N, C-alpha and C. Protein backbone atom coordinates (compact mmCIF):
# COMPACT_ATOMS: atom_id res chain seq x y z
N MET A 1 -134.35 140.37 -81.66
CA MET A 1 -133.91 140.66 -82.71
C MET A 1 -132.23 140.02 -83.14
N ALA A 2 -131.79 139.39 -83.92
CA ALA A 2 -130.67 138.37 -84.27
C ALA A 2 -129.81 139.55 -84.84
N ILE A 3 -128.65 139.68 -84.93
CA ILE A 3 -127.66 140.21 -85.02
C ILE A 3 -126.81 139.54 -86.24
N SER A 4 -126.97 139.75 -87.28
CA SER A 4 -126.05 139.22 -88.48
C SER A 4 -124.72 139.68 -88.82
N ASN A 5 -124.11 141.03 -88.20
CA ASN A 5 -123.08 141.74 -88.09
C ASN A 5 -122.42 142.15 -86.94
N ILE A 6 -121.48 141.57 -86.51
CA ILE A 6 -121.17 141.90 -84.91
C ILE A 6 -120.58 143.44 -85.06
N ARG A 7 -120.46 144.20 -86.16
CA ARG A 7 -120.46 145.29 -85.74
C ARG A 7 -121.41 146.13 -85.54
N ASP A 8 -122.82 145.25 -85.31
CA ASP A 8 -123.78 146.14 -85.17
C ASP A 8 -124.36 145.82 -83.95
N MET A 9 -123.14 144.90 -82.92
CA MET A 9 -123.86 144.98 -81.52
C MET A 9 -124.00 146.76 -81.16
N SER A 10 -124.83 146.77 -80.07
CA SER A 10 -124.62 147.98 -79.38
C SER A 10 -123.55 148.15 -77.79
N ASN A 11 -123.26 147.27 -77.79
CA ASN A 11 -121.80 146.95 -76.98
C ASN A 11 -120.82 146.89 -77.80
N ALA A 12 -120.21 147.10 -78.92
CA ALA A 12 -119.19 147.04 -79.11
C ALA A 12 -118.49 148.44 -79.82
N ASP A 13 -117.59 148.55 -79.43
CA ASP A 13 -116.28 149.70 -79.77
C ASP A 13 -115.12 148.95 -80.42
N PHE A 14 -115.19 149.27 -81.82
CA PHE A 14 -114.21 148.72 -82.69
C PHE A 14 -113.54 149.53 -83.26
N GLY A 15 -113.50 150.74 -83.58
CA GLY A 15 -112.98 151.43 -84.07
C GLY A 15 -113.44 151.48 -85.83
N THR A 16 -112.09 151.99 -86.45
CA THR A 16 -111.97 151.64 -87.40
C THR A 16 -111.44 150.63 -87.59
N LEU A 17 -112.06 149.66 -88.68
CA LEU A 17 -111.90 147.95 -89.39
C LEU A 17 -111.50 148.13 -90.60
N ASP A 18 -110.14 148.27 -90.47
CA ASP A 18 -109.10 148.50 -91.36
C ASP A 18 -107.90 147.37 -91.22
N SER A 19 -106.42 148.01 -92.28
CA SER A 19 -105.70 146.63 -92.12
C SER A 19 -104.89 146.95 -90.79
N THR A 20 -104.87 147.55 -89.93
CA THR A 20 -104.12 148.24 -88.75
C THR A 20 -104.32 147.01 -87.83
N LYS A 21 -105.80 146.73 -87.89
CA LYS A 21 -106.32 145.55 -87.14
C LYS A 21 -106.29 144.17 -87.12
N HIS A 22 -105.66 144.27 -88.72
CA HIS A 22 -104.58 142.79 -88.98
C HIS A 22 -103.98 142.17 -87.56
N LYS A 23 -104.32 140.91 -87.35
CA LYS A 23 -104.19 139.66 -85.93
C LYS A 23 -104.68 140.67 -85.01
N HIS A 24 -105.62 141.20 -84.92
CA HIS A 24 -106.55 141.29 -83.63
C HIS A 24 -107.43 140.52 -83.37
N MET A 25 -107.65 140.75 -82.25
CA MET A 25 -109.59 139.48 -81.50
C MET A 25 -109.89 140.68 -80.75
N ILE A 26 -111.40 139.75 -80.87
CA ILE A 26 -112.28 141.09 -79.94
C ILE A 26 -112.54 140.09 -78.87
N VAL A 27 -112.11 140.96 -77.65
CA VAL A 27 -112.12 140.54 -76.09
C VAL A 27 -113.56 141.77 -75.68
N TYR A 28 -113.70 141.07 -74.70
CA TYR A 28 -114.57 141.55 -73.73
C TYR A 28 -114.04 142.68 -72.82
N ASP A 29 -114.57 143.70 -72.65
CA ASP A 29 -113.76 144.73 -71.23
C ASP A 29 -114.96 145.02 -70.52
N ALA A 30 -114.48 144.51 -69.30
CA ALA A 30 -115.93 144.53 -68.02
C ALA A 30 -115.64 146.13 -67.75
N THR A 31 -114.91 146.79 -67.85
CA THR A 31 -114.66 148.10 -67.76
C THR A 31 -115.52 149.09 -68.22
N SER A 32 -115.35 148.66 -69.14
CA SER A 32 -116.81 149.64 -70.07
C SER A 32 -117.78 149.23 -70.68
N ASP A 33 -117.78 147.31 -70.46
CA ASP A 33 -118.89 146.26 -70.63
C ASP A 33 -119.06 146.92 -72.59
N THR A 34 -118.05 146.60 -72.90
CA THR A 34 -118.18 146.73 -74.30
C THR A 34 -117.05 145.66 -74.85
N PHE A 35 -117.29 145.08 -75.96
CA PHE A 35 -116.62 143.99 -76.96
C PHE A 35 -115.41 145.01 -77.71
N VAL A 36 -114.40 144.96 -77.50
CA VAL A 36 -113.44 146.04 -78.28
C VAL A 36 -112.25 144.70 -79.04
N ILE A 37 -111.55 145.94 -79.50
CA ILE A 37 -110.36 145.09 -80.55
C ILE A 37 -109.24 144.92 -79.55
N ARG A 38 -108.48 143.90 -79.63
CA ARG A 38 -107.01 143.83 -79.21
C ARG A 38 -106.16 143.15 -79.57
N ASP A 39 -104.75 143.62 -79.63
CA ASP A 39 -103.81 142.81 -80.28
C ASP A 39 -103.61 141.14 -79.49
N MET A 40 -103.42 140.68 -80.64
CA MET A 40 -103.30 138.80 -79.90
C MET A 40 -102.03 138.64 -79.05
N ASP A 41 -101.23 139.15 -79.85
CA ASP A 41 -99.91 139.37 -79.06
C ASP A 41 -100.23 139.24 -77.50
N THR A 42 -100.43 140.51 -77.37
CA THR A 42 -101.10 141.70 -76.25
C THR A 42 -101.85 140.65 -75.30
N VAL A 43 -102.90 139.75 -75.94
CA VAL A 43 -103.63 139.32 -75.02
C VAL A 43 -103.32 137.57 -74.59
N LEU A 44 -102.70 136.78 -75.70
CA LEU A 44 -102.24 135.58 -75.93
C LEU A 44 -100.63 135.72 -74.98
N SER A 45 -99.99 136.96 -74.46
CA SER A 45 -99.05 136.63 -73.73
C SER A 45 -99.47 136.97 -72.03
N SER A 46 -100.52 136.76 -71.90
CA SER A 46 -100.76 136.85 -70.56
C SER A 46 -100.26 135.89 -69.67
N ASP A 47 -99.68 136.41 -68.58
CA ASP A 47 -99.06 134.83 -67.47
C ASP A 47 -99.80 133.59 -67.64
N GLN A 48 -100.70 133.71 -67.60
CA GLN A 48 -101.75 132.84 -67.73
C GLN A 48 -101.91 131.53 -68.69
N VAL A 49 -101.38 132.47 -69.80
CA VAL A 49 -101.07 131.63 -71.57
C VAL A 49 -99.83 130.79 -71.44
N LEU A 50 -99.38 131.94 -71.08
CA LEU A 50 -97.77 131.50 -71.32
C LEU A 50 -97.30 130.58 -70.14
N ASP A 51 -97.62 130.29 -69.01
CA ASP A 51 -97.66 129.22 -68.20
C ASP A 51 -97.54 127.57 -68.52
N GLY A 52 -98.90 127.90 -69.59
CA GLY A 52 -99.40 126.65 -70.26
C GLY A 52 -100.33 125.87 -69.07
N ASP A 53 -100.83 126.49 -68.03
CA ASP A 53 -101.74 125.94 -67.06
C ASP A 53 -102.89 127.21 -67.08
N LEU A 54 -103.81 127.01 -67.43
CA LEU A 54 -105.07 128.30 -67.58
C LEU A 54 -105.52 127.70 -66.37
N PRO A 55 -106.52 128.90 -65.67
CA PRO A 55 -106.91 128.90 -64.37
C PRO A 55 -108.07 127.47 -64.45
N ASP A 56 -108.16 126.67 -63.46
CA ASP A 56 -109.11 125.48 -63.74
C ASP A 56 -110.71 126.36 -63.68
N ASP A 57 -111.02 127.37 -62.54
CA ASP A 57 -112.42 127.79 -62.93
C ASP A 57 -112.45 128.15 -64.38
N PHE A 58 -111.61 129.12 -65.09
CA PHE A 58 -111.61 129.41 -66.82
C PHE A 58 -112.33 128.29 -67.45
N VAL A 59 -111.50 127.40 -67.59
CA VAL A 59 -111.63 125.43 -68.05
C VAL A 59 -113.46 125.32 -67.78
N ASP A 60 -113.13 125.35 -66.84
CA ASP A 60 -114.74 125.09 -65.92
C ASP A 60 -115.73 125.62 -66.24
N GLN A 61 -115.70 126.63 -66.76
CA GLN A 61 -116.88 127.86 -67.17
C GLN A 61 -117.01 127.47 -68.48
N ILE A 62 -115.87 127.61 -69.19
CA ILE A 62 -115.63 127.51 -70.57
C ILE A 62 -116.43 126.03 -71.29
N GLU A 63 -116.17 125.02 -70.88
CA GLU A 63 -116.97 123.41 -71.02
C GLU A 63 -117.94 124.03 -70.64
N GLU A 64 -119.01 124.27 -69.40
CA GLU A 64 -119.82 124.52 -69.10
C GLU A 64 -120.49 125.36 -70.12
N GLU A 65 -120.48 126.42 -70.40
CA GLU A 65 -121.18 127.57 -71.56
C GLU A 65 -121.20 127.10 -73.15
N LEU A 66 -119.78 126.33 -73.27
CA LEU A 66 -119.89 126.15 -74.82
C LEU A 66 -120.47 124.26 -75.27
N ASP A 67 -121.43 124.28 -75.93
CA ASP A 67 -121.52 123.06 -76.57
C ASP A 67 -121.26 122.22 -77.63
N VAL A 68 -120.19 122.33 -78.45
CA VAL A 68 -120.34 122.07 -80.01
C VAL A 68 -120.89 121.13 -80.51
N ASN A 69 -122.14 120.68 -79.86
CA ASN A 69 -122.99 119.76 -80.67
C ASN A 69 -124.20 120.91 -81.00
N ASP A 70 -124.02 122.01 -80.04
CA ASP A 70 -125.22 123.03 -80.74
C ASP A 70 -124.56 123.87 -81.62
N MET A 71 -123.55 123.78 -81.81
CA MET A 71 -122.78 124.95 -83.17
C MET A 71 -123.08 124.15 -84.46
N THR A 72 -123.18 125.09 -85.72
CA THR A 72 -123.55 124.98 -86.74
C THR A 72 -122.12 125.91 -87.58
N ILE A 73 -121.45 125.05 -88.15
CA ILE A 73 -120.07 125.29 -88.67
C ILE A 73 -120.55 124.99 -90.13
N THR A 74 -120.65 126.03 -91.17
CA THR A 74 -120.55 125.82 -92.49
C THR A 74 -119.49 126.01 -93.45
N SER A 75 -118.27 127.03 -92.80
CA SER A 75 -117.41 127.05 -93.40
C SER A 75 -116.12 127.51 -92.36
N VAL A 76 -114.70 126.91 -92.78
CA VAL A 76 -113.67 127.80 -91.63
C VAL A 76 -112.56 127.73 -92.53
N ASP A 77 -112.17 128.85 -92.49
CA ASP A 77 -111.46 129.74 -92.73
C ASP A 77 -110.19 129.73 -92.26
N GLY A 78 -108.89 128.79 -92.80
CA GLY A 78 -107.65 128.94 -91.63
C GLY A 78 -106.86 130.07 -91.99
N GLY A 79 -107.25 130.66 -93.17
CA GLY A 79 -106.03 131.76 -93.41
C GLY A 79 -105.04 131.28 -94.21
N SER A 80 -103.68 132.01 -94.45
CA SER A 80 -102.85 131.43 -95.63
C SER A 80 -101.65 131.72 -94.47
N PHE A 81 -100.86 130.19 -94.71
CA PHE A 81 -99.61 130.13 -94.29
C PHE A 81 -98.18 130.35 -95.20
């Protein structure tokens, strides 16, 4: 069965989704084996990101697993600035 709403995933623990979750992102928590919401500043301020050099094995894995030719993007909302 396809999931049409990410909240309906059985391994997601997002808590209450309201304005307090603004500027948060979904990450996988291997300890609890669930997808959770984390503050973007906390996630993106890790040493691996701040030093400007992502680990090669991470980049290799992303390149292997994501194929943009298989993606169908009908609409992109860039937010407001």
